Protein backbone atom coordinates (compact mmCIF):
# COMPACT_ATOMS: atom_id res chain seq x y z
CA MET A 1 23.39 -24.81 34.96
CA LYS A 2 21.17 -24.47 37.69
CA GLN A 3 19.93 -20.95 36.59
CA THR A 4 18.88 -22.73 33.31
CA LEU A 5 17.15 -25.53 34.83
CA LEU A 6 15.61 -23.19 37.01
CA ALA A 7 14.34 -21.28 34.17
CA ALA A 8 12.87 -24.18 32.29
CA ALA A 9 10.85 -25.44 35.24
CA SER A 10 9.31 -21.99 35.75
CA LEU A 11 8.35 -21.69 31.99
CA SER A 12 6.57 -25.06 31.83
CA LEU A 13 3.13 -23.94 32.81
CA ALA A 14 3.11 -21.13 30.53
CA ALA A 15 4.92 -22.69 27.64
CA CYS A 16 1.69 -22.11 25.17
CA ALA A 17 0.76 -18.74 26.46
CA GLY A 18 0.60 -15.36 24.59
CA VAL A 19 2.70 -12.37 25.66
CA THR A 20 0.33 -10.08 23.60
CA PRO A 21 -2.72 -8.43 24.90
CA PRO A 22 -5.59 -8.61 22.63
CA VAL A 23 -5.66 -6.05 19.80
CA ALA A 24 -8.83 -4.08 21.19
CA GLU A 25 -6.85 -3.52 24.46
CA ILE A 26 -3.81 -2.35 22.95
CA THR A 27 -5.35 1.08 21.82
CA PRO A 28 -8.94 1.55 22.84
CA LEU A 29 -11.02 3.08 20.10
CA PRO A 30 -13.36 5.92 20.17
CA ALA A 31 -16.99 5.10 19.49
CA SER A 32 -17.40 7.40 16.66
CA PHE A 33 -15.11 9.68 14.32
CA GLU A 34 -15.14 13.53 15.50
CA TYR A 35 -15.40 15.17 12.10
CA VAL A 36 -17.76 12.95 10.43
CA ASP A 37 -21.17 14.05 9.30
CA ALA A 38 -23.88 12.09 10.54
CA SER A 39 -26.15 12.78 7.84
CA ILE A 40 -23.93 11.30 5.20
CA ARG A 41 -25.10 8.13 3.95
CA GLY A 42 -22.83 7.66 0.75
CA ALA A 43 -21.50 4.61 -0.84
CA VAL A 44 -19.88 2.07 1.30
CA PRO A 45 -16.42 1.64 -0.16
CA GLU A 46 -16.21 -1.75 -2.14
CA LYS A 47 -12.75 -3.09 -2.68
CA GLU A 48 -13.14 -1.53 -6.41
CA TRP A 49 -13.40 2.07 -4.51
CA TRP A 50 -12.26 4.06 -7.46
CA ARG A 51 -15.62 2.95 -9.62
CA ALA A 52 -17.53 5.17 -7.16
CA PHE A 53 -16.13 8.04 -9.35
CA GLY A 54 -17.84 7.02 -12.32
CA ASP A 55 -15.24 7.51 -14.90
CA ALA A 56 -14.50 4.67 -17.44
CA SER A 57 -10.94 6.07 -18.31
CA LEU A 58 -9.77 5.77 -14.34
CA ASP A 59 -11.54 2.37 -14.12
CA ALA A 60 -9.44 1.26 -16.96
CA LEU A 61 -6.16 2.98 -15.79
CA ILE A 62 -6.50 0.66 -12.25
CA ALA A 63 -7.27 -2.20 -14.15
CA GLU A 64 -4.30 -2.03 -16.33
CA ALA A 65 -2.04 -1.31 -13.08
CA LEU A 66 -3.46 -3.74 -11.06
CA GLU A 67 -1.97 -6.38 -14.20
CA ALA A 68 1.08 -4.52 -15.25
CA ASN A 69 2.85 -2.63 -12.20
CA GLN A 70 6.23 -3.80 -11.29
CA ASP A 71 6.20 -2.93 -7.74
CA LEU A 72 3.06 -5.21 -7.53
CA ALA A 73 4.85 -7.95 -9.47
CA ALA A 74 7.85 -8.06 -6.72
CA GLY A 75 4.90 -8.13 -4.23
CA VAL A 76 3.52 -11.22 -5.20
CA ALA A 77 6.89 -12.89 -5.53
CA ARG A 78 7.31 -12.09 -2.22
CA VAL A 79 3.94 -13.48 -1.47
CA LYS A 80 4.85 -16.50 -3.11
CA GLN A 81 8.02 -16.86 -1.19
CA SER A 82 6.29 -16.56 2.37
CA ARG A 83 3.90 -19.43 1.17
CA ALA A 84 6.77 -21.65 0.20
CA SER A 85 8.34 -20.98 3.60
CA LEU A 86 5.30 -21.92 5.30
CA LYS A 87 5.05 -25.29 3.16
CA SER A 88 8.75 -25.83 4.24
CA VAL A 89 7.94 -25.24 7.76
CA ASN A 90 4.80 -27.31 7.72
CA SER A 91 6.93 -30.38 7.00
CA SER A 92 8.67 -30.35 10.05
CA LEU A 93 5.28 -31.73 11.38
CA PHE A 94 5.30 -34.75 9.50
CA PRO A 95 8.21 -37.91 9.42
CA SER A 96 11.15 -38.08 6.84
CA ILE A 97 11.11 -41.08 4.96
CA GLY A 98 14.13 -41.67 2.71
CA ALA A 99 15.27 -45.30 0.74
CA SER A 100 18.69 -46.42 -0.54
CA ALA A 101 20.06 -49.09 -2.81
CA SER A 102 23.21 -50.49 -3.93
CA GLY A 103 24.66 -53.39 -5.58
CA SER A 104 28.39 -54.92 -6.12
CA SER A 105 30.14 -57.83 -7.73
CA ASP A 106 33.22 -59.92 -7.01
CA SER A 107 34.06 -62.45 -9.75
CA GLU A 108 37.28 -64.49 -10.11
CA GLY A 109 38.02 -66.53 -13.12
CA GLY A 110 34.39 -66.15 -14.45
CA TYR A 111 33.30 -67.19 -11.44
CA GLY A 112 31.79 -64.70 -8.56
CA ASP A 113 29.11 -63.66 -6.14
CA PHE A 114 26.69 -60.16 -6.79
CA SER A 115 25.30 -58.51 -3.82
CA THR A 116 22.55 -56.12 -3.34
CA SER A 117 21.37 -54.20 -0.44
CA GLY A 118 18.58 -52.06 0.05
CA ARG A 119 17.57 -49.81 2.94
CA LEU A 120 14.31 -47.97 4.11
CA SER A 121 14.23 -45.44 7.15
CA ALA A 122 12.09 -43.20 8.80
CA SER A 123 12.64 -40.47 11.16
CA TYR A 124 10.32 -38.23 13.09
CA GLN A 125 11.13 -35.50 15.83
CA LEU A 126 8.56 -35.80 18.59
CA ASP A 127 6.86 -31.88 19.29
CA LEU A 128 5.95 -32.83 22.91
CA PHE A 129 6.59 -28.85 23.82
CA GLY A 130 5.20 -27.17 20.89
CA GLN A 131 8.63 -25.64 19.28
CA ASN A 132 7.49 -27.06 15.75
CA ARG A 133 3.91 -25.97 15.94
CA ALA A 134 5.25 -22.38 17.08
CA ALA A 135 7.41 -22.54 14.22
CA ARG A 136 4.35 -23.14 11.79
CA THR A 137 2.13 -20.42 13.37
CA GLY A 138 5.14 -17.85 12.85
CA ALA A 139 5.58 -19.10 9.44
CA ARG A 140 1.74 -18.49 8.94
CA ALA A 141 1.68 -15.29 10.43
CA SER A 142 4.37 -14.19 8.49
CA TYR A 143 2.77 -15.42 5.38
CA GLU A 144 -0.41 -13.70 6.24
CA ALA A 145 1.46 -10.26 6.92
CA ALA A 146 3.15 -10.41 3.29
CA ARG A 147 -0.81 -11.02 2.02
CA PHE A 148 -1.94 -8.24 4.05
CA ASN A 149 1.22 -6.13 2.69
CA GLN A 150 0.58 -7.24 -0.69
CA ARG A 151 -2.96 -5.83 -0.39
CA ALA A 152 -1.42 -2.47 1.03
CA LEU A 153 0.71 -2.03 -2.07
CA GLU A 154 -2.29 -2.58 -4.12
CA LEU A 155 -4.05 0.19 -2.55
CA THR A 156 -1.10 2.70 -2.84
CA VAL A 157 -1.09 1.82 -6.74
CA GLU A 158 -4.73 2.19 -6.98
CA SER A 159 -4.47 5.36 -5.72
CA ASP A 160 -1.52 6.72 -6.93
CA VAL A 161 -2.77 6.08 -10.27
CA ALA A 162 -6.00 7.79 -9.26
CA PHE A 163 -4.28 10.95 -7.71
CA THR A 164 -2.09 10.99 -11.39
CA TYR A 165 -4.77 10.84 -13.21
CA PHE A 166 -6.97 13.29 -11.49
CA SER A 167 -3.96 15.67 -11.24
CA ILE A 168 -3.69 15.23 -15.62
CA ILE A 169 -6.98 15.98 -16.53
CA ALA A 170 -7.09 18.89 -13.82
CA LEU A 171 -3.68 20.11 -15.18
CA ARG A 172 -5.15 19.94 -18.74
CA GLU A 173 -7.80 22.16 -17.84
CA ARG A 174 -5.36 24.60 -16.18
CA LEU A 175 -3.54 24.86 -19.55
CA GLN A 176 -6.70 25.56 -21.16
CA VAL A 177 -7.37 28.41 -18.51
CA ALA A 178 -4.13 29.99 -19.28
CA ARG A 179 -4.28 29.79 -22.84
CA ASP A 180 -7.96 31.11 -22.88
CA ASN A 181 -6.23 33.71 -20.56
CA LEU A 182 -3.48 34.50 -23.35
CA GLU A 183 -6.59 35.06 -26.15
CA ILE A 184 -7.96 37.50 -23.74
CA SER A 185 -4.61 39.53 -23.33
CA GLU A 186 -4.33 39.24 -27.03
CA ARG A 187 -7.90 40.66 -27.55
CA ILE A 188 -7.23 43.41 -25.18
CA TYR A 189 -4.13 43.97 -27.02
CA GLU A 190 -6.02 44.76 -30.25
CA ILE A 191 -8.22 47.10 -28.35
CA VAL A 192 -5.19 49.29 -26.86
CA SER A 193 -3.37 49.44 -30.25
CA VAL A 194 -6.78 50.71 -31.82
CA ARG A 195 -7.12 53.51 -29.23
CA TYR A 196 -3.31 54.05 -29.31
CA LYS A 197 -3.67 54.73 -33.12
CA ALA A 198 -6.51 56.77 -32.32
CA GLY A 199 -4.49 58.87 -29.74
CA ASP A 200 -6.74 58.03 -27.11
CA VAL A 201 -4.37 56.16 -24.81
CA SER A 202 -0.36 56.75 -24.53
CA GLY A 203 2.58 54.26 -25.03
CA PHE A 204 2.38 53.17 -21.40
CA ASP A 205 -1.04 51.15 -22.03
CA MET A 206 0.84 49.53 -25.28
CA ALA A 207 3.84 48.75 -23.15
CA SER A 208 1.40 47.57 -20.29
CA GLN A 209 -0.48 45.26 -22.10
CA GLU A 210 2.77 43.92 -24.36
CA ALA A 211 4.14 42.69 -20.52
CA SER A 212 0.89 41.26 -19.85
CA ILE A 213 0.96 39.13 -23.05
CA ALA A 214 4.32 38.04 -22.24
CA ASN A 215 3.28 36.70 -18.62
CA ALA A 216 0.39 34.97 -20.10
CA ARG A 217 2.71 33.09 -22.60
CA ALA A 218 5.17 32.36 -19.80
CA ARG A 219 2.91 30.42 -17.76
CA ILE A 220 2.26 27.90 -20.75
CA PRO A 221 5.59 26.08 -20.56
CA SER A 222 5.56 25.81 -17.06
CA LEU A 223 2.22 23.61 -17.27
CA GLU A 224 3.01 22.22 -20.16
CA GLN A 225 6.36 20.33 -18.53
CA GLN A 226 4.08 19.40 -15.45
CA LEU A 227 1.93 17.54 -17.58
CA VAL A 228 4.65 15.45 -19.26
CA SER A 229 6.05 15.01 -15.58
CA LEU A 230 2.90 13.71 -14.67
CA GLU A 231 1.87 11.56 -17.95
CA THR A 232 5.56 9.85 -17.67
CA ALA A 233 4.31 8.95 -14.06
CA LEU A 234 1.52 7.76 -14.96
CA ALA A 235 3.07 5.29 -17.66
CA VAL A 236 5.50 3.98 -15.31
CA LEU A 237 2.65 3.17 -13.00
CA LEU A 238 0.87 0.97 -15.51
CA GLY A 239 4.29 -0.95 -16.18
CA ARG A 240 4.74 0.87 -19.56
CA VAL A 241 7.89 2.92 -20.78
CA PRO A 242 7.17 6.59 -20.77
CA GLU A 243 8.22 7.45 -24.23
CA GLY A 244 5.07 8.56 -26.04
CA TYR A 245 2.77 7.99 -23.56
CA ARG A 246 -0.40 9.78 -23.34
CA ALA A 247 -3.15 9.66 -20.77
CA PRO A 248 -6.77 9.23 -21.64
CA ALA A 249 -8.77 12.45 -21.55
CA GLY A 250 -10.94 13.38 -18.94
CA ASP A 251 -13.26 16.41 -17.36
CA ALA A 252 -11.95 17.31 -14.19
CA LEU A 253 -14.77 19.88 -13.54
CA ALA A 254 -17.48 17.24 -14.20
CA LEU A 255 -16.03 14.37 -12.32
CA THR A 256 -17.67 15.10 -8.83
CA PRO A 257 -16.63 13.17 -5.49
CA PRO A 258 -18.65 10.75 -4.73
CA SER A 259 -20.25 10.73 -0.74
CA ILE A 260 -18.49 7.96 1.49
CA ASP A 261 -20.04 6.07 4.21
CA ILE A 262 -16.85 5.50 6.71
CA GLY A 263 -18.31 3.76 9.12
CA LEU A 264 -16.91 3.21 12.79
CA PRO A 265 -13.46 3.35 13.98
CA SER A 266 -13.42 -0.29 15.05
CA ASP A 267 -14.35 -1.27 11.17
CA LEU A 268 -10.74 -0.43 10.55
CA LEU A 269 -9.75 -3.16 12.38
CA LEU A 270 -11.00 -5.19 9.81
CA ARG A 271 -10.64 -2.89 6.84
CA ARG A 272 -7.27 -1.61 6.59
CA PRO A 273 -4.72 -3.79 5.56
CA ASP A 274 -1.68 -2.43 7.25
CA LEU A 275 -3.57 -2.86 10.83
CA LEU A 276 -4.37 -6.72 9.77
CA ALA A 277 -0.40 -6.84 8.92
CA ALA A 278 0.37 -5.47 12.29
CA GLU A 279 -1.86 -8.10 13.71
CA ALA A 280 -0.46 -10.98 12.01
CA GLY A 281 2.94 -9.43 13.48
CA LEU A 282 1.33 -9.58 16.81
CA GLU A 283 0.73 -13.32 16.44
CA GLY A 284 3.94 -14.02 14.87
CA ALA A 285 5.49 -12.52 18.07
CA ASP A 286 4.00 -14.66 20.13
CA ALA A 287 5.06 -17.84 18.21
CA ASP A 288 8.42 -16.70 18.80
CA VAL A 289 8.45 -16.49 22.25
CA ALA A 290 6.91 -19.77 22.60
CA ALA A 291 9.52 -21.46 20.25
CA ALA A 292 12.14 -19.61 22.71
CA ARG A 293 10.00 -21.33 25.93
CA ALA A 294 10.00 -24.63 24.04
CA ALA A 295 13.97 -24.65 23.48
CA PHE A 296 14.78 -24.86 27.25
CA PHE A 297 12.66 -28.36 26.89
CA PRO A 298 14.58 -31.75 25.63
CA SER A 299 14.03 -32.69 21.89
CA VAL A 300 12.72 -36.37 21.47
CA ASP A 301 13.65 -37.95 18.17
CA LEU A 302 12.06 -41.41 16.82
CA SER A 303 13.78 -43.21 13.87
CA ALA A 304 12.92 -46.70 12.16
CA GLY A 305 14.72 -48.73 9.33
CA LEU A 306 14.61 -51.62 7.48
CA ALA A 307 17.18 -52.97 5.65
CA ALA A 308 17.49 -55.97 3.13
CA SER A 309 20.82 -57.80 1.77
CA ALA A 310 21.01 -60.47 -1.00
CA LEU A 311 23.83 -62.54 -2.08
CA SER A 312 23.95 -65.07 -4.68
CA GLY A 313 23.14 -67.81 -1.84
CA GLY A 314 20.23 -66.26 -0.43
CA ALA A 315 18.58 -62.85 1.36
CA ASN A 316 18.35 -61.29 4.69
CA LEU A 317 15.99 -58.58 6.05
CA VAL A 318 16.77 -56.64 9.10
CA GLY A 319 14.70 -54.12 10.97
CA SER A 320 15.76 -51.24 13.67
CA LEU A 321 13.68 -49.06 15.82
CA ALA A 322 15.70 -46.42 18.25
CA GLY A 323 14.70 -43.26 20.11
CA SER A 324 16.62 -40.65 21.55
CA ALA A 325 16.56 -37.49 23.81
CA SER A 326 18.72 -34.42 23.87
CA GLN A 327 18.79 -31.63 26.38
CA THR A 328 21.04 -28.40 26.73
CA ILE A 329 22.40 -28.44 30.04
CA PHE A 330 24.25 -25.10 30.05
CA SER A 331 24.30 -22.53 27.00
CA GLY A 332 26.15 -19.56 28.36
CA GLY A 333 22.61 -18.00 28.63
CA ARG A 334 22.15 -18.17 24.88
CA LEU A 335 18.67 -19.76 25.69
CA ILE A 336 17.63 -16.93 28.45
CA ALA A 337 18.93 -14.24 25.98
CA GLY A 338 16.86 -15.78 23.11
CA LEU A 339 13.88 -15.54 25.43
CA GLU A 340 14.47 -12.10 26.43
CA GLY A 341 14.80 -11.09 22.75
CA ALA A 342 12.02 -12.83 21.56
CA LYS A 343 9.79 -11.32 24.43
CA ALA A 344 11.41 -7.62 23.47
CA GLY A 345 10.32 -8.26 19.79
CA ALA A 346 6.73 -8.81 21.37
CA GLU A 347 6.85 -5.72 23.08
CA GLU A 348 8.08 -3.89 19.64
CA GLN A 349 5.24 -5.61 17.73
CA VAL A 350 2.76 -4.39 20.16
CA ALA A 351 4.23 -0.65 19.94
CA ARG A 352 4.22 -0.74 16.08
CA TYR A 353 0.50 -1.96 16.38
CA ARG A 354 -0.77 0.70 18.54
CA GLN A 355 1.24 3.35 16.15
CA THR A 356 -0.22 2.31 13.17
CA THR A 357 -3.52 2.34 14.88
CA LEU A 358 -3.52 5.50 16.08
CA ASN A 359 -1.89 6.55 12.25
CA ALA A 360 -5.25 5.14 11.00
CA LEU A 361 -7.24 7.09 13.10
CA ARG A 362 -5.77 10.22 12.32
CA GLU A 363 -5.56 9.92 8.56
CA VAL A 364 -9.43 9.30 8.63
CA GLU A 365 -9.97 12.57 10.52
CA THR A 366 -7.79 14.50 8.43
CA GLY A 367 -9.38 12.93 5.71
CA LEU A 368 -12.57 14.22 6.57
CA VAL A 369 -11.65 17.61 7.31
CA SER A 370 -9.98 18.00 4.10
CA LEU A 371 -12.65 16.44 2.20
CA ASP A 372 -14.94 18.87 3.61
CA THR A 373 -12.74 21.87 3.37
CA ALA A 374 -12.27 21.52 -0.21
CA GLU A 375 -15.84 21.00 -0.86
CA ARG A 376 -16.85 24.31 0.63
CA ARG A 377 -13.61 26.16 -0.91
CA GLU A 378 -14.86 24.88 -4.14
CA ALA A 379 -18.23 26.59 -3.60
CA GLN A 380 -16.67 29.95 -3.06
CA LEU A 381 -14.29 29.66 -5.81
CA THR A 382 -17.12 28.90 -8.17
CA ILE A 383 -19.22 31.72 -7.03
CA ALA A 384 -15.73 34.05 -7.54
CA ARG A 385 -15.13 32.57 -10.87
CA ASP A 386 -18.59 33.68 -12.00
CA ALA A 387 -18.63 36.87 -10.94
CA SER A 388 -15.17 37.81 -11.95
CA LYS A 389 -16.09 36.89 -15.53
CA ARG A 390 -18.94 39.36 -15.43
CA SER A 391 -16.64 42.04 -14.11
CA LEU A 392 -14.19 41.36 -16.84
CA ASP A 393 -16.86 41.74 -19.52
CA LEU A 394 -18.08 44.95 -18.09
CA ALA A 395 -14.40 46.13 -17.85
CA GLU A 396 -13.63 45.46 -21.40
CA ILE A 397 -16.82 47.24 -22.74
CA ARG A 398 -15.66 50.36 -19.93
CA TYR A 399 -12.06 50.41 -21.49
CA ARG A 400 -13.31 50.35 -25.03
CA SER A 401 -15.35 53.43 -24.46
CA GLY A 402 -12.69 55.17 -22.34
CA ALA A 403 -14.71 55.25 -19.33
CA ASP A 404 -12.03 53.42 -17.21
CA ASP A 405 -8.17 52.79 -17.54
CA LEU A 406 -6.23 50.10 -18.91
CA THR A 407 -5.29 48.99 -15.14
CA SER A 408 -9.05 48.34 -14.18
CA LEU A 409 -9.25 46.19 -17.17
CA LEU A 410 -5.66 43.97 -16.28
CA ASN A 411 -6.95 43.71 -12.81
CA ALA A 412 -10.38 42.28 -13.69
CA GLN A 413 -8.54 39.71 -16.23
CA ALA A 414 -6.05 38.93 -13.29
CA THR A 415 -8.92 38.08 -11.14
CA PHE A 416 -10.94 36.38 -13.52
CA PHE A 417 -8.00 34.03 -14.25
CA ASN A 418 -6.92 33.49 -10.91
CA ALA A 419 -10.58 32.20 -9.94
CA SER A 420 -10.56 30.26 -12.64
CA ASP A 421 -7.46 28.37 -12.14
CA SER A 422 -7.77 28.06 -8.31
CA LEU A 423 -11.33 26.51 -9.18
CA VAL A 424 -9.68 23.60 -11.13
CA GLN A 425 -7.21 23.24 -8.23
CA ALA A 426 -10.10 23.11 -5.51
CA ARG A 427 -11.87 20.30 -7.63
CA LEU A 428 -8.50 18.52 -7.52
CA ASP A 429 -8.03 19.08 -3.95
CA ARG A 430 -11.67 17.71 -3.59
CA LEU A 431 -10.98 14.29 -5.82
CA SER A 432 -7.61 13.92 -3.81
CA ALA A 433 -9.13 14.04 -0.55
CA ALA A 434 -11.97 11.63 -1.47
CA THR A 435 -9.47 9.31 -2.49
CA ASP A 436 -7.22 9.98 0.33
CA LEU A 437 -10.12 9.19 2.45
CA PHE A 438 -10.80 5.93 0.63
CA VAL A 439 -7.65 4.61 1.28
CA ALA A 440 -7.87 5.57 5.07
CA VAL A 441 -10.65 3.40 5.40
CA GLY A 442 -8.92 0.67 3.72
CA GLY A 443 -10.29 0.87 0.21
CA GLY A 444 -13.59 -1.35 1.17
CA TRP A 445 -11.48 -4.33 1.52
CA ASP A 446 -13.12 -6.90 4.20
CA GLY A 447 -9.73 -8.38 5.04
CA GLU A 448 -11.12 -11.73 3.38
CA SER A 449 -10.25 -11.22 -0.13
């Protein structure tokens, strides 16, 4: 008992003080990002960041997903639950009022008395030490965290739709490259067949080209299977049944990723919903500590009532007013353990916030590097594709004339195919890197939406 009373006395001056440091002190932020190009003055991300790509099909797909995605629908329900919990906790700060009424009759031989009674009562718990206010602060923090987590989920769905759409249109382009390569193989086969019949080449060339055609055909089914997998995934993101869904058309090579002005590292604290949710967690942890401290102090309740009763011969009105106070004298260490647990929870939230901040900084830096790397790689692959096309044209002419053997022609064809296919994948890498960077900076959200 003595231990409990001493603990209560020592906590009285700090009952409302927070235990978590300001967010600016948890993880000191750098003045700028290391891999950012200071010359970039691109688009500042808006909430509808995907519009910067300038693709109407993408705009329509994301709008549909935001309306019909079932993960988002479940998230909205979670936000509603948190809002309802906040309203419930707010009610503890107001009086509780109740009323009751009754009536009875006592008759004998046709005569009797009829009586009625009614009672109006009110009760209120004085929040002298802030326990109810702390509970309301915690509930509000939970609601804010749910709202920010919902925005983070929206951002995930938006980026998933964008990435899946980009993957689909890029895969269609790769399919076309594979089909064009098959046409080239068939055209070369005709050349080989003519020269074989003329006795200019051996059966080795015929067998080699037949194998080349088979390999070219074998690539197509695998790409078609990947396309089906991506389109069904996109359908689910849109809240549709996957059967029969076909994604809209698009041109991956004509879709240029936008430049992005990512701002300063400190901007992440206001733009990334996961950081805002973690900050709400810090506030909730402080509220839990305050509530645990307030539990050491007495609770005071007030109640008032007004009762009225009436008989056949008259009426009576009685009023009452009462107050009560209760204090835990001995709890076997339960209150102290509760406070220690709340403080440990606050320490956990600080660590989580620090880790979330570090992850956010890393994602921006890797996004910057990935986008720059993809741009430089695509530039070189464009040169390789164009040069290998000229090489293939020359190799075909030389083979027709007998100046070169089939191996040189097949090598030129393989080089052109690989460069063409790699170029499409490099463009997809650029689109994906730009999408990841938009997400890393919070999608342009300002935290007030």
